Structure formats: structure tokens, C-alpha cells
Amino acid sequence: MTQQEIGNIIKERRRKLGINQQTLADLACVAVNTVVAIERGEGNP
């Protein structure tokens, strides 16, 4: 599975849960920039 595929799965799940990137970042104890990068397939999940 590629980083882009993982990012897409995370983004889809986040949207189904009805939460924004900031909320996900808070729940995961990471910076919002990390969530953004992962969803774009640029970060290393």
C-alpha cells in the first residue's frame, strides 16, 4: 500500500466521522500539518 493510498483512506474515514483535520490531529497528538501531509501522501504515517 502506498503512502497516497493510506492518506486517502485516512481522509475518507475522517470525513465519514465528520471531524476536521485539526480534531484528528488533536486526537492523534500530532500537529495539523502532519495530518495534512499524510492525507496528501507526502507524510510518513
C-alpha atoms as a PDB file:
ATOM      1  CA  MET A   1       0.000   0.000   0.000  1.00  0.00           C
ATOM      2  CA  THR A   2       1.396   3.389  -0.963  1.00  0.00           C
ATOM      3  CA  GLN A   3       1.509   6.500   1.190  1.00  0.00           C
ATOM      4  CA  GLN A   4      -1.070   8.101  -1.123  1.00  0.00           C
ATOM      5  CA  GLU A   5      -3.470   5.192  -0.632  1.00  0.00           C
ATOM      6  CA  ILE A   6      -3.059   5.356   3.142  1.00  0.00           C
ATOM      7  CA  GLY A   7      -3.656   9.101   3.054  1.00  0.00           C
ATOM      8  CA  ASN A   8      -6.832   8.648   1.036  1.00  0.00           C
ATOM      9  CA  ILE A   9      -8.141   6.030   3.466  1.00  0.00           C
ATOM     10  CA  ILE A  10      -7.462   8.310   6.430  1.00  0.00           C
ATOM     11  CA  LYS A  11      -9.149  11.263   4.711  1.00  0.00           C
ATOM     12  CA  GLU A  12     -12.226   9.205   3.784  1.00  0.00           C
ATOM     13  CA  ARG A  13     -12.555   7.829   7.316  1.00  0.00           C
ATOM     14  CA  ARG A  14     -12.102  11.284   8.855  1.00  0.00           C
ATOM     15  CA  ARG A  15     -14.844  12.688   6.645  1.00  0.00           C
ATOM     16  CA  LYS A  16     -17.194   9.785   7.465  1.00  0.00           C
ATOM     17  CA  LEU A  17     -16.629  10.527  11.145  1.00  0.00           C
ATOM     18  CA  GLY A  18     -17.463  14.180  10.482  1.00  0.00           C
ATOM     19  CA  ILE A  19     -14.297  15.584  12.011  1.00  0.00           C
ATOM     20  CA  ASN A  20     -11.878  18.126  10.626  1.00  0.00           C
ATOM     21  CA  GLN A  21      -8.123  17.822  10.310  1.00  0.00           C
ATOM     22  CA  GLN A  22      -7.496  19.794  13.496  1.00  0.00           C
ATOM     23  CA  THR A  23      -9.689  17.466  15.535  1.00  0.00           C
ATOM     24  CA  LEU A  24      -7.955  14.407  14.095  1.00  0.00           C
ATOM     25  CA  ALA A  25      -4.575  15.957  14.861  1.00  0.00           C
ATOM     26  CA  ASP A  26      -5.651  16.617  18.453  1.00  0.00           C
ATOM     27  CA  LEU A  27      -6.910  13.049  18.861  1.00  0.00           C
ATOM     28  CA  ALA A  28      -3.681  11.643  17.406  1.00  0.00           C
ATOM     29  CA  CYS A  29      -1.458  14.049  19.403  1.00  0.00           C
ATOM     30  CA  VAL A  30       0.241  15.347  16.261  1.00  0.00           C
ATOM     31  CA  ALA A  31       0.395  18.720  14.531  1.00  0.00           C
ATOM     32  CA  VAL A  32      -2.306  19.526  11.998  1.00  0.00           C
ATOM     33  CA  ASN A  33       0.458  19.904   9.389  1.00  0.00           C
ATOM     34  CA  THR A  34       1.271  16.232   9.923  1.00  0.00           C
ATOM     35  CA  VAL A  35      -2.317  15.205   9.190  1.00  0.00           C
ATOM     36  CA  VAL A  36      -2.378  17.399   6.087  1.00  0.00           C
ATOM     37  CA  ALA A  37       0.876  15.893   4.802  1.00  0.00           C
ATOM     38  CA  ILE A  38      -0.283  12.321   5.432  1.00  0.00           C
ATOM     39  CA  GLU A  39      -3.592  12.907   3.676  1.00  0.00           C
ATOM     40  CA  ARG A  40      -1.713  14.300   0.686  1.00  0.00           C
ATOM     41  CA  GLY A  41       0.536  11.246   0.594  1.00  0.00           C
ATOM     42  CA  GLU A  42       3.558  13.354   1.495  1.00  0.00           C
ATOM     43  CA  GLY A  43       3.965  12.341   5.124  1.00  0.00           C
ATOM     44  CA  ASN A  44       5.126   9.079   6.576  1.00  0.00           C
ATOM     45  CA  PRO A  45       2.229   7.545   8.505  1.00  0.00           C
END
